[in-house]
C-alpha atoms as a PDB file:
ATOM      1  CA  UNK A   1     134.261  84.944  18.526  1.00  0.00           C
ATOM      2  CA  UNK A   2     136.663  87.759  19.527  1.00  0.00           C
ATOM      3  CA  UNK A   3     140.131  88.852  18.902  1.00  0.00           C
ATOM      4  CA  UNK A   4     142.597  90.113  21.522  1.00  0.00           C
ATOM      5  CA  UNK A   5     145.885  91.938  21.206  1.00  0.00           C
ATOM      6  CA  UNK A   6     146.936  92.288  24.774  1.00  0.00           C
ATOM      7  CA  UNK A   7     150.624  91.549  25.685  1.00  0.00           C
ATOM      8  CA  UNK A   8     153.399  94.044  25.653  1.00  0.00           C
ATOM      9  CA  UNK A   9     156.536  92.438  27.232  1.00  0.00           C
ATOM     10  CA  UNK A  10     159.736  94.512  27.905  1.00  0.00           C
ATOM     11  CA  UNK A  11     162.988  93.665  29.626  1.00  0.00           C
ATOM     12  CA  UNK A  12     162.300  96.304  32.212  1.00  0.00           C
ATOM     13  CA  UNK A  13     158.667  95.605  32.774  1.00  0.00           C
ATOM     14  CA  UNK A  14     155.768  93.505  31.848  1.00  0.00           C
ATOM     15  CA  UNK A  15     152.076  94.832  31.582  1.00  0.00           C
ATOM     16  CA  UNK A  16     149.046  93.100  30.741  1.00  0.00           C
ATOM     17  CA  UNK A  17     145.550  94.575  30.322  1.00  0.00           C
ATOM     18  CA  UNK A  18     142.723  92.628  31.839  1.00  0.00           C
ATOM     19  CA  UNK A  19     141.665  89.516  29.856  1.00  0.00           C
ATOM     20  CA  UNK A  20     138.088  89.017  28.570  1.00  0.00           C
ATOM     21  CA  UNK A  21     136.049  86.503  30.238  1.00  0.00           C
ATOM     22  CA  UNK A  22     135.199  84.666  27.001  1.00  0.00           C
ATOM     23  CA  UNK A  23     137.606  81.730  25.769  1.00  0.00           C
ATOM     24  CA  UNK A  24     140.256  82.725  23.436  1.00  0.00           C
ATOM     25  CA  UNK A  25     142.359  80.719  20.887  1.00  0.00           C
ATOM     26  CA  UNK A  26     145.840  81.801  20.279  1.00  0.00           C
ATOM     27  CA  UNK A  27     146.432  83.112  16.696  1.00  0.00           C
ATOM     28  CA  UNK A  28     150.199  83.986  16.822  1.00  0.00           C
ATOM     29  CA  UNK A  29     153.102  85.281  18.890  1.00  0.00           C
ATOM     30  CA  UNK A  30     155.538  87.691  17.255  1.00  0.00           C
ATOM     31  CA  UNK A  31     158.476  89.857  18.376  1.00  0.00           C
ATOM     32  CA  UNK A  32     160.160  92.960  16.974  1.00  0.00           C
ATOM     33  CA  UNK A  33     163.452  94.339  18.044  1.00  0.00           C
ATOM     34  CA  UNK A  34     164.980  97.051  15.826  1.00  0.00           C
ATOM     35  CA  UNK A  35     168.273  97.063  17.753  1.00  0.00           C
ATOM     36  CA  UNK A  36     169.988  95.064  20.402  1.00  0.00           C
ATOM     37  CA  UNK A  37     170.158  98.131  22.739  1.00  0.00           C
ATOM     38  CA  UNK A  38     166.452  98.803  22.290  1.00  0.00           C
ATOM     39  CA  UNK A  39     163.765  97.407  24.324  1.00  0.00           C
ATOM     40  CA  UNK A  40     162.225  94.180  23.158  1.00  0.00           C
ATOM     41  CA  UNK A  41     158.454  93.925  22.514  1.00  0.00           C
ATOM     42  CA  UNK A  42     156.367  90.852  22.122  1.00  0.00           C
ATOM     43  CA  UNK A  43     152.848  90.867  21.167  1.00  0.00           C
ATOM     44  CA  UNK A  44     150.337  87.978  21.001  1.00  0.00           C
ATOM     45  CA  UNK A  45     146.832  87.716  19.435  1.00  0.00           C
ATOM     46  CA  UNK A  46     144.113  85.216  20.297  1.00  0.00           C
ATOM     47  CA  UNK A  47     140.608  84.132  19.534  1.00  0.00           C
ATOM     48  CA  UNK A  48     137.914  82.343  21.656  1.00  0.00           C
ATOM     49  CA  UNK A  49     135.273  79.816  20.668  1.00  0.00           C
ATOM     50  CA  UNK A  50     132.228  78.238  22.250  1.00  0.00           C
ATOM     51  CA  UNK A  51     129.985  75.663  20.714  1.00  0.00           C
ATOM     52  CA  UNK A  52     126.417  74.888  22.125  1.00  0.00           C
ATOM     53  CA  UNK A  53     124.391  72.015  20.569  1.00  0.00           C
ATOM     54  CA  UNK A  54     120.813  71.535  21.682  1.00  0.00           C
ATOM     55  CA  UNK A  55     118.787  68.288  20.951  1.00  0.00           C
ATOM     56  CA  UNK A  56     115.573  68.013  22.933  1.00  0.00           C
ATOM     57  CA  UNK A  57     116.594  68.238  26.559  1.00  0.00           C
ATOM     58  CA  UNK A  58     120.235  67.447  25.900  1.00  0.00           C
ATOM     59  CA  UNK A  59     122.655  70.475  25.755  1.00  0.00           C
ATOM     60  CA  UNK A  60     126.288  69.873  24.873  1.00  0.00           C
ATOM     61  CA  UNK A  61     128.783  72.810  25.551  1.00  0.00           C
ATOM     62  CA  UNK A  62     132.309  72.834  24.177  1.00  0.00           C
ATOM     63  CA  UNK A  63     134.708  75.686  24.967  1.00  0.00           C
ATOM     64  CA  UNK A  64     138.286  76.382  23.831  1.00  0.00           C
ATOM     65  CA  UNK A  65     139.987  78.956  26.076  1.00  0.00           C
ATOM     66  CA  UNK A  66     143.450  80.344  25.887  1.00  0.00           C
ATOM     67  CA  UNK A  67     145.002  82.311  28.664  1.00  0.00           C
ATOM     68  CA  UNK A  68     148.232  84.211  27.996  1.00  0.00           C
ATOM     69  CA  UNK A  69     150.012  84.535  31.406  1.00  0.00           C
ATOM     70  CA  UNK A  70     153.316  86.378  31.496  1.00  0.00           C
ATOM     71  CA  UNK A  71     155.554  85.680  34.571  1.00  0.00           C
ATOM     72  CA  UNK A  72     159.189  86.119  35.712  1.00  0.00           C
ATOM     73  CA  UNK A  73     161.563  83.290  36.207  1.00  0.00           C
ATOM     74  CA  UNK A  74     165.090  83.720  37.900  1.00  0.00           C
ATOM     75  CA  UNK A  75     168.050  82.086  36.292  1.00  0.00           C
ATOM     76  CA  UNK A  76     171.123  82.451  38.775  1.00  0.00           C
ATOM     77  CA  UNK A  77     169.419  85.514  40.231  1.00  0.00           C
ATOM     78  CA  UNK A  78     168.689  87.142  36.915  1.00  0.00           C
ATOM     79  CA  UNK A  79     164.987  87.733  36.034  1.00  0.00           C
ATOM     80  CA  UNK A  80     163.801  86.419  32.824  1.00  0.00           C
ATOM     81  CA  UNK A  81     160.476  87.169  31.261  1.00  0.00           C
ATOM     82  CA  UNK A  82     158.320  84.106  30.343  1.00  0.00           C
ATOM     83  CA  UNK A  83     154.948  83.575  28.608  1.00  0.00           C
ATOM     84  CA  UNK A  84     152.729  80.718  29.564  1.00  0.00           C
ATOM     85  CA  UNK A  85     150.024  79.926  26.827  1.00  0.00           C
ATOM     86  CA  UNK A  86     147.381  77.869  28.635  1.00  0.00           C
ATOM     87  CA  UNK A  87     144.675  76.242  26.375  1.00  0.00           C
ATOM     88  CA  UNK A  88     141.549  74.860  28.035  1.00  0.00           C
ATOM     89  CA  UNK A  89     139.479  72.450  25.997  1.00  0.00           C
ATOM     90  CA  UNK A  90     136.434  71.680  28.116  1.00  0.00           C
ATOM     91  CA  UNK A  91     133.168  69.665  27.430  1.00  0.00           C
ATOM     92  CA  UNK A  92     130.181  69.515  29.698  1.00  0.00           C
ATOM     93  CA  UNK A  93     126.586  67.990  28.795  1.00  0.00           C
ATOM     94  CA  UNK A  94     123.208  68.040  30.698  1.00  0.00           C
ATOM     95  CA  UNK A  95     123.300  64.334  30.209  1.00  0.00           C
ATOM     96  CA  UNK A  96     126.362  63.720  32.055  1.00  0.00           C
ATOM     97  CA  UNK A  97     127.644  64.713  35.561  1.00  0.00           C
ATOM     98  CA  UNK A  98     130.697  66.822  35.997  1.00  0.00           C
ATOM     99  CA  UNK A  99     133.328  67.507  33.346  1.00  0.00           C
ATOM    100  CA  UNK A 100     133.818  65.131  30.376  1.00  0.00           C
ATOM    101  CA  UNK A 101     137.197  63.212  31.440  1.00  0.00           C
ATOM    102  CA  UNK A 102     138.346  63.962  27.829  1.00  0.00           C
ATOM    103  CA  UNK A 103     138.618  67.507  28.700  1.00  0.00           C
ATOM    104  CA  UNK A 104     142.133  68.755  28.920  1.00  0.00           C
ATOM    105  CA  UNK A 105     144.539  71.647  29.702  1.00  0.00           C
ATOM    106  CA  UNK A 106     147.462  72.087  27.448  1.00  0.00           C
ATOM    107  CA  UNK A 107     150.407  74.493  28.367  1.00  0.00           C
ATOM    108  CA  UNK A 108     153.330  75.870  26.195  1.00  0.00           C
ATOM    109  CA  UNK A 109     156.011  78.159  27.913  1.00  0.00           C
ATOM    110  CA  UNK A 110     158.195  80.505  25.865  1.00  0.00           C
ATOM    111  CA  UNK A 111     161.252  82.551  26.950  1.00  0.00           C
ATOM    112  CA  UNK A 112     160.847  86.197  25.944  1.00  0.00           C
ATOM    113  CA  UNK A 113     164.308  87.233  26.602  1.00  0.00           C
ATOM    114  CA  UNK A 114     165.506  87.700  23.086  1.00  0.00           C
ATOM    115  CA  UNK A 115     163.952  89.222  19.955  1.00  0.00           C
ATOM    116  CA  UNK A 116     162.204  86.066  19.159  1.00  0.00           C
ATOM    117  CA  UNK A 117     160.187  83.618  21.539  1.00  0.00           C
ATOM    118  CA  UNK A 118     162.015  80.494  22.376  1.00  0.00           C
ATOM    119  CA  UNK A 119     159.906  77.317  23.335  1.00  0.00           C
ATOM    120  CA  UNK A 120     161.027  76.000  26.770  1.00  0.00           C
ATOM    121  CA  UNK A 121     158.315  73.279  27.464  1.00  0.00           C
ATOM    122  CA  UNK A 122     155.006  72.101  26.529  1.00  0.00           C
ATOM    123  CA  UNK A 123     152.588  69.606  28.379  1.00  0.00           C
ATOM    124  CA  UNK A 124     148.959  68.727  28.799  1.00  0.00           C
ATOM    125  CA  UNK A 125     146.914  66.884  31.483  1.00  0.00           C
ATOM    126  CA  UNK A 126     143.156  66.120  31.975  1.00  0.00           C
ATOM    127  CA  UNK A 127     141.268  68.863  33.581  1.00  0.00           C
ATOM    128  CA  UNK A 128     139.199  71.956  33.028  1.00  0.00           C
ATOM    129  CA  UNK A 129     141.344  74.499  34.882  1.00  0.00           C
ATOM    130  CA  UNK A 130     144.810  75.429  35.634  1.00  0.00           C
ATOM    131  CA  UNK A 131     147.136  77.846  37.512  1.00  0.00           C
ATOM    132  CA  UNK A 132     150.830  79.089  37.634  1.00  0.00           C
ATOM    133  CA  UNK A 133     152.135  78.428  41.096  1.00  0.00           C
ATOM    134  CA  UNK A 134     155.125  80.400  42.438  1.00  0.00           C
ATOM    135  CA  UNK A 135     156.074  81.083  38.905  1.00  0.00           C
ATOM    136  CA  UNK A 136     157.744  77.609  38.915  1.00  0.00           C
ATOM    137  CA  UNK A 137     154.956  75.134  38.824  1.00  0.00           C
ATOM    138  CA  UNK A 138     151.649  74.657  37.051  1.00  0.00           C
ATOM    139  CA  UNK A 139     148.678  72.848  38.599  1.00  0.00           C
ATOM    140  CA  UNK A 140     146.118  71.213  36.229  1.00  0.00           C
ATOM    141  CA  UNK A 141     142.967  70.539  37.950  1.00  0.00           C
ATOM    142  CA  UNK A 142     140.161  68.084  37.149  1.00  0.00           C
ATOM    143  CA  UNK A 143     137.240  68.564  39.379  1.00  0.00           C
ATOM    144  CA  UNK A 144     135.807  65.593  41.329  1.00  0.00           C
ATOM    145  CA  UNK A 145     132.431  64.118  40.470  1.00  0.00           C
ATOM    146  CA  UNK A 146     129.989  62.152  42.532  1.00  0.00           C
ATOM    147  CA  UNK A 147     131.922  62.403  45.826  1.00  0.00           C
ATOM    148  CA  UNK A 148     135.415  61.860  44.140  1.00  0.00           C
ATOM    149  CA  UNK A 149     138.217  64.372  44.994  1.00  0.00           C
ATOM    150  CA  UNK A 150     139.707  66.868  42.794  1.00  0.00           C
ATOM    151  CA  UNK A 151     142.873  65.525  40.959  1.00  0.00           C
ATOM    152  CA  UNK A 152     145.876  67.744  40.369  1.00  0.00           C
ATOM    153  CA  UNK A 153     148.790  67.018  37.866  1.00  0.00           C
ATOM    154  CA  UNK A 154     151.655  69.239  38.956  1.00  0.00           C
ATOM    155  CA  UNK A 155     154.231  70.082  36.278  1.00  0.00           C
ATOM    156  CA  UNK A 156     157.571  72.193  36.228  1.00  0.00           C
ATOM    157  CA  UNK A 157     157.026  75.258  34.171  1.00  0.00           C
ATOM    158  CA  UNK A 158     160.536  75.469  32.892  1.00  0.00           C
ATOM    159  CA  UNK A 159     160.990  71.876  31.875  1.00  0.00           C
ATOM    160  CA  UNK A 160     157.294  70.406  31.524  1.00  0.00           C
ATOM    161  CA  UNK A 161     158.111  67.459  33.571  1.00  0.00           C
ATOM    162  CA  UNK A 162     155.206  66.053  35.295  1.00  0.00           C
ATOM    163  CA  UNK A 163     156.386  65.936  39.041  1.00  0.00           C
ATOM    164  CA  UNK A 164     153.484  64.317  40.858  1.00  0.00           C
ATOM    165  CA  UNK A 165     149.798  63.860  41.036  1.00  0.00           C
ATOM    166  CA  UNK A 166     147.679  64.731  44.185  1.00  0.00           C
ATOM    167  CA  UNK A 167     144.253  64.826  45.292  1.00  0.00           C
ATOM    168  CA  UNK A 168     142.400  67.095  47.667  1.00  0.00           C
ATOM    169  CA  UNK A 169     140.470  70.414  47.369  1.00  0.00           C
ATOM    170  CA  UNK A 170     143.263  72.987  48.136  1.00  0.00           C
ATOM    171  CA  UNK A 171     145.622  74.418  45.605  1.00  0.00           C
ATOM    172  CA  UNK A 172     148.027  71.644  44.492  1.00  0.00           C
ATOM    173  CA  UNK A 173     145.921  69.233  46.595  1.00  0.00           C
ATOM    174  CA  UNK A 174     147.310  67.561  49.840  1.00  0.00           C
ATOM    175  CA  UNK A 175     151.049  68.523  49.680  1.00  0.00           C
ATOM    176  CA  UNK A 176     153.937  69.716  52.023  1.00  0.00           C
ATOM    177  CA  UNK A 177     157.064  71.485  51.128  1.00  0.00           C
ATOM    178  CA  UNK A 178     160.543  71.663  52.689  1.00  0.00           C
ATOM    179  CA  UNK A 179     163.994  73.062  51.761  1.00  0.00           C
ATOM    180  CA  UNK A 180     167.488  72.997  52.879  1.00  0.00           C
ATOM    181  CA  UNK A 181     168.538  76.618  51.952  1.00  0.00           C
ATOM    182  CA  UNK A 182     172.156  76.387  53.018  1.00  0.00           C
ATOM    183  CA  UNK A 183     173.008  73.057  51.111  1.00  0.00           C
ATOM    184  CA  UNK A 184     175.206  73.584  48.151  1.00  0.00           C
ATOM    185  CA  UNK A 185     173.261  73.976  45.796  1.00  0.00           C
ATOM    186  CA  UNK A 186     169.943  74.640  47.902  1.00  0.00           C
ATOM    187  CA  UNK A 187     167.486  71.812  47.846  1.00  0.00           C
ATOM    188  CA  UNK A 188     163.686  71.652  47.794  1.00  0.00           C
ATOM    189  CA  UNK A 189     161.445  68.695  48.332  1.00  0.00           C
ATOM    190  CA  UNK A 190     157.787  68.161  48.161  1.00  0.00           C
ATOM    191  CA  UNK A 191     155.521  65.449  49.449  1.00  0.00           C
ATOM    192  CA  UNK A 192     151.907  64.527  47.976  1.00  0.00           C
ATOM    193  CA  UNK A 193     149.052  62.361  48.695  1.00  0.00           C
ATOM    194  CA  UNK A 194     147.310  60.634  45.841  1.00  0.00           C
ATOM    195  CA  UNK A 195     143.866  58.677  46.273  1.00  0.00           C
ATOM    196  CA  UNK A 196     143.300  58.102  42.643  1.00  0.00           C
ATOM    197  CA  UNK A 197     143.626  54.339  42.680  1.00  0.00           C
ATOM    198  CA  UNK A 198     142.947  51.328  40.468  1.00  0.00           C
ATOM    199  CA  UNK A 199     140.328  48.796  41.519  1.00  0.00           C
ATOM    200  CA  UNK A 200     142.942  46.062  42.169  1.00  0.00           C
ATOM    201  CA  UNK A 201     144.840  48.518  44.438  1.00  0.00           C
ATOM    202  CA  UNK A 202     141.658  48.969  46.392  1.00  0.00           C
ATOM    203  CA  UNK A 203     141.255  45.171  46.691  1.00  0.00           C
ATOM    204  CA  UNK A 204     144.550  45.026  48.371  1.00  0.00           C
ATOM    205  CA  UNK A 205     143.418  47.616  51.024  1.00  0.00           C
ATOM    206  CA  UNK A 206     145.363  50.537  49.691  1.00  0.00           C
ATOM    207  CA  UNK A 207     143.682  53.846  50.562  1.00  0.00           C
ATOM    208  CA  UNK A 208     146.400  56.311  49.328  1.00  0.00           C
ATOM    209  CA  UNK A 209     149.910  56.716  48.043  1.00  0.00           C
ATOM    210  CA  UNK A 210     152.313  59.200  49.629  1.00  0.00           C
ATOM    211  CA  UNK A 211     155.232  60.358  47.365  1.00  0.00           C
ATOM    212  CA  UNK A 212     158.406  62.376  48.031  1.00  0.00           C
ATOM    213  CA  UNK A 213     160.506  64.114  45.561  1.00  0.00           C
ATOM    214  CA  UNK A 214     161.970  67.169  44.165  1.00  0.00           C
ATOM    215  CA  UNK A 215     162.558  69.161  40.850  1.00  0.00           C
ATOM    216  CA  UNK A 216     163.119  66.079  38.751  1.00  0.00           C
ATOM    217  CA  UNK A 217     160.069  64.099  40.168  1.00  0.00           C
ATOM    218  CA  UNK A 218     159.316  61.465  42.812  1.00  0.00           C
ATOM    219  CA  UNK A 219     162.256  59.905  44.787  1.00  0.00           C
ATOM    220  CA  UNK A 220     160.189  57.434  46.867  1.00  0.00           C
ATOM    221  CA  UNK A 221     156.627  56.376  47.126  1.00  0.00           C
ATOM    222  CA  UNK A 222     154.783  54.545  49.826  1.00  0.00           C
ATOM    223  CA  UNK A 223     151.495  52.642  49.940  1.00  0.00           C
ATOM    224  CA  UNK A 224     149.093  53.546  52.758  1.00  0.00           C
ATOM    225  CA  UNK A 225     146.924  50.347  53.585  1.00  0.00           C
ATOM    226  CA  UNK A 226     144.006  49.836  55.959  1.00  0.00           C
ATOM    227  CA  UNK A 227     144.153  46.845  58.218  1.00  0.00           C
ATOM    228  CA  UNK A 228     140.360  46.269  58.445  1.00  0.00           C
ATOM    229  CA  UNK A 229     137.358  46.768  56.281  1.00  0.00           C
ATOM    230  CA  UNK A 230     136.085  49.291  58.736  1.00  0.00           C
ATOM    231  CA  UNK A 231     139.257  51.274  58.656  1.00  0.00           C
ATOM    232  CA  UNK A 232     139.239  51.150  54.744  1.00  0.00           C
ATOM    233  CA  UNK A 233     135.764  52.638  54.444  1.00  0.00           C
ATOM    234  CA  UNK A 234     136.800  55.618  56.919  1.00  0.00           C
ATOM    235  CA  UNK A 235     140.206  56.291  55.415  1.00  0.00           C
ATOM    236  CA  UNK A 236     139.315  55.847  51.750  1.00  0.00           C
ATOM    237  CA  UNK A 237     136.899  58.922  51.708  1.00  0.00           C
ATOM    238  CA  UNK A 238     138.570  60.728  54.410  1.00  0.00           C
ATOM    239  CA  UNK A 239     142.089  60.750  52.906  1.00  0.00           C
ATOM    240  CA  UNK A 240     140.538  61.649  49.436  1.00  0.00           C
ATOM    241  CA  UNK A 241     139.327  65.115  50.718  1.00  0.00           C
ATOM    242  CA  UNK A 242     140.920  65.802  54.129  1.00  0.00           C
ATOM    243  CA  UNK A 243     144.488  64.290  54.025  1.00  0.00           C
ATOM    244  CA  UNK A 244     147.071  66.568  55.655  1.00  0.00           C
ATOM    245  CA  UNK A 245     150.865  66.389  55.168  1.00  0.00           C
ATOM    246  CA  UNK A 246     153.407  68.269  57.306  1.00  0.00           C
ATOM    247  CA  UNK A 247     157.033  68.083  58.427  1.00  0.00           C
ATOM    248  CA  UNK A 248     158.832  67.416  61.793  1.00  0.00           C
ATOM    249  CA  UNK A 249     162.251  68.525  61.973  1.00  0.00           C
ATOM    250  CA  UNK A 250     164.734  67.207  64.518  1.00  0.00           C
ATOM    251  CA  UNK A 251     163.109  67.001  67.957  1.00  0.00           C
ATOM    252  CA  UNK A 252     160.389  69.569  67.205  1.00  0.00           C
ATOM    253  CA  UNK A 253     156.827  68.608  68.296  1.00  0.00           C
ATOM    254  CA  UNK A 254     155.114  71.178  66.135  1.00  0.00           C
ATOM    255  CA  UNK A 255     154.589  70.015  62.475  1.00  0.00           C
ATOM    256  CA  UNK A 256     154.370  72.404  59.596  1.00  0.00           C
ATOM    257  CA  UNK A 257     153.329  71.816  55.959  1.00  0.00           C
ATOM    258  CA  UNK A 258     155.063  74.785  54.049  1.00  0.00           C
ATOM    259  CA  UNK A 259     154.172  75.744  50.516  1.00  0.00           C
ATOM    260  CA  UNK A 260     156.041  76.251  47.256  1.00  0.00           C
ATOM    261  CA  UNK A 261     156.630  79.913  47.972  1.00  0.00           C
ATOM    262  CA  UNK A 262     157.322  79.330  51.763  1.00  0.00           C
ATOM    263  CA  UNK A 263     158.633  75.881  52.406  1.00  0.00           C
ATOM    264  CA  UNK A 264     159.632  74.592  55.803  1.00  0.00           C
ATOM    265  CA  UNK A 265     163.434  75.506  56.247  1.00  0.00           C
ATOM    266  CA  UNK A 266     166.045  72.814  57.486  1.00  0.00           C
ATOM    267  CA  UNK A 267     169.062  74.709  58.774  1.00  0.00           C
ATOM    268  CA  UNK A 268     171.025  71.412  59.819  1.00  0.00           C
ATOM    269  CA  UNK A 269     172.403  70.735  56.305  1.00  0.00           C
ATOM    270  CA  UNK A 270     174.647  73.832  56.086  1.00  0.00           C
ATOM    271  CA  UNK A 271     177.085  73.451  53.185  1.00  0.00           C
ATOM    272  CA  UNK A 272     175.996  69.834  52.412  1.00  0.00           C
ATOM    273  CA  UNK A 273     176.839  69.043  48.825  1.00  0.00           C
ATOM    274  CA  UNK A 274     175.314  65.532  48.575  1.00  0.00           C
ATOM    275  CA  UNK A 275     171.541  65.345  48.347  1.00  0.00           C
ATOM    276  CA  UNK A 276     171.575  61.624  49.252  1.00  0.00           C
ATOM    277  CA  UNK A 277     172.658  62.790  52.752  1.00  0.00           C
ATOM    278  CA  UNK A 278     169.453  64.697  53.197  1.00  0.00           C
ATOM    279  CA  UNK A 279     168.194  63.134  56.523  1.00  0.00           C
ATOM    280  CA  UNK A 280     167.076  63.750  60.015  1.00  0.00           C
ATOM    281  CA  UNK A 281     163.436  65.045  59.621  1.00  0.00           C
ATOM    282  CA  UNK A 282     160.134  63.171  59.270  1.00  0.00           C
ATOM    283  CA  UNK A 283     156.839  63.394  57.016  1.00  0.00           C
ATOM    284  CA  UNK A 284     153.483  63.333  59.022  1.00  0.00           C
ATOM    285  CA  UNK A 285     150.269  61.995  57.391  1.00  0.00           C
ATOM    286  CA  UNK A 286     147.215  63.132  59.427  1.00  0.00           C
ATOM    287  CA  UNK A 287     143.468  63.016  58.943  1.00  0.00           C
ATOM    288  CA  UNK A 288     141.147  65.301  61.023  1.00  0.00           C
ATOM    289  CA  UNK A 289     144.043  65.998  63.410  1.00  0.00           C
ATOM    290  CA  UNK A 290     144.889  62.294  64.022  1.00  0.00           C
ATOM    291  CA  UNK A 291     148.401  61.243  62.962  1.00  0.00           C
ATOM    292  CA  UNK A 292     148.216  58.129  60.713  1.00  0.00           C
ATOM    293  CA  UNK A 293     151.807  57.772  59.947  1.00  0.00           C
ATOM    294  CA  UNK A 294     154.964  59.521  61.042  1.00  0.00           C
ATOM    295  CA  UNK A 295     157.599  58.508  58.368  1.00  0.00           C
ATOM    296  CA  UNK A 296     161.439  59.300  58.677  1.00  0.00           C
ATOM    297  CA  UNK A 297     163.314  60.754  55.855  1.00  0.00           C
ATOM    298  CA  UNK A 298     166.933  59.278  55.496  1.00  0.00           C
ATOM    299  CA  UNK A 299     169.217  59.458  52.680  1.00  0.00           C
ATOM    300  CA  UNK A 300     166.681  61.549  50.732  1.00  0.00           C
ATOM    301  CA  UNK A 301     164.005  58.854  50.891  1.00  0.00           C
ATOM    302  CA  UNK A 302     160.972  57.915  52.915  1.00  0.00           C
ATOM    303  CA  UNK A 303     161.791  54.883  54.985  1.00  0.00           C
ATOM    304  CA  UNK A 304     158.591  52.816  55.603  1.00  0.00           C
ATOM    305  CA  UNK A 305     160.361  50.279  57.957  1.00  0.00           C
ATOM    306  CA  UNK A 306     160.912  53.016  60.504  1.00  0.00           C
ATOM    307  CA  UNK A 307     157.497  54.751  60.393  1.00  0.00           C
ATOM    308  CA  UNK A 308     155.304  55.084  63.354  1.00  0.00           C
ATOM    309  CA  UNK A 309     151.851  54.121  62.559  1.00  0.00           C
ATOM    310  CA  UNK A 310     148.243  54.289  63.851  1.00  0.00           C
ATOM    311  CA  UNK A 311     146.723  51.010  64.957  1.00  0.00           C
ATOM    312  CA  UNK A 312     144.573  50.586  61.776  1.00  0.00           C
ATOM    313  CA  UNK A 313     147.091  51.449  59.068  1.00  0.00           C
ATOM    314  CA  UNK A 314     150.228  49.954  57.613  1.00  0.00           C
ATOM    315  CA  UNK A 315     152.861  51.219  55.101  1.00  0.00           C
ATOM    316  CA  UNK A 316     154.575  49.460  52.315  1.00  0.00           C
ATOM    317  CA  UNK A 317     157.405  50.776  50.213  1.00  0.00           C
ATOM    318  CA  UNK A 318     156.940  50.842  46.584  1.00  0.00           C
ATOM    319  CA  UNK A 319     159.775  50.624  44.040  1.00  0.00           C
ATOM    320  CA  UNK A 320     159.612  54.078  42.215  1.00  0.00           C
ATOM    321  CA  UNK A 321     160.165  52.259  38.853  1.00  0.00           C
ATOM    322  CA  UNK A 322     156.901  50.545  39.591  1.00  0.00           C
ATOM    323  CA  UNK A 323     154.969  53.491  40.510  1.00  0.00           C
ATOM    324  CA  UNK A 324     154.256  55.391  37.412  1.00  0.00           C
ATOM    325  CA  UNK A 325     151.748  58.210  37.478  1.00  0.00           C
ATOM    326  CA  UNK A 326     148.723  57.194  35.393  1.00  0.00           C
END
């Protein structure tokens, strides 16, 4: 067990010495500010724990790790200091494959602008690892086991809201990002592929769900279904690990995926004030270079009825109220 005192946060600058590799447990977060005009200093202390139990050839390992991750958020162009406290509770055993599904990642986000920390959000999701993405999102990762894909739960850092779940090996899984930077206010949208399905969904030939949404969560979700048993076997595994999403804007032939930090830009919505009028582009779902579905976006929604599809798939619109993230 070890103690760390490592964080010195100032309005002008944030510096963090290197964190130890061992897991740590948060002990406290305090702030001192002798005068309003003086720099503000915040300090955190933490402790790590690891438990190993041995019984014959069975070895159980449990760790509790806390990572203190300062970052800067922008509010109306003004930089604001934040602290994300990331707690990882992970269990593994020599008598089980992979990470115990009860393992979880918990996150608490504090605003450090004032003399005392102010809690903005807290959330948790199953997983053994997590990362801050573009100082706006948090990706909780549960590694796949036995040919299953990695699963990602993507939350908003500032609100704690669960935006979507995705699968795939890359950061944030199989996703694509697009923006209308000249809209009033600017709009950003994401799309994701989720192949974590219930047995009854597999029985109906569903191989994936594709969702489209923004900062408040999903706006529309489609089911991707295989038409034949042969197509199901190929697409079920393929989409779990290698699904690719990208955007086509206007009459362009070249599709681009974008990322949270560098979304694809739509310039045709200059001055647009109504998000419901966001239209005129398409979402492309591909597997190993083959386009399975080209789905238009109209009225800020995916439109399944007008999708161009490969011969072995079909697409069905799913009411968003009936498509909770499990």
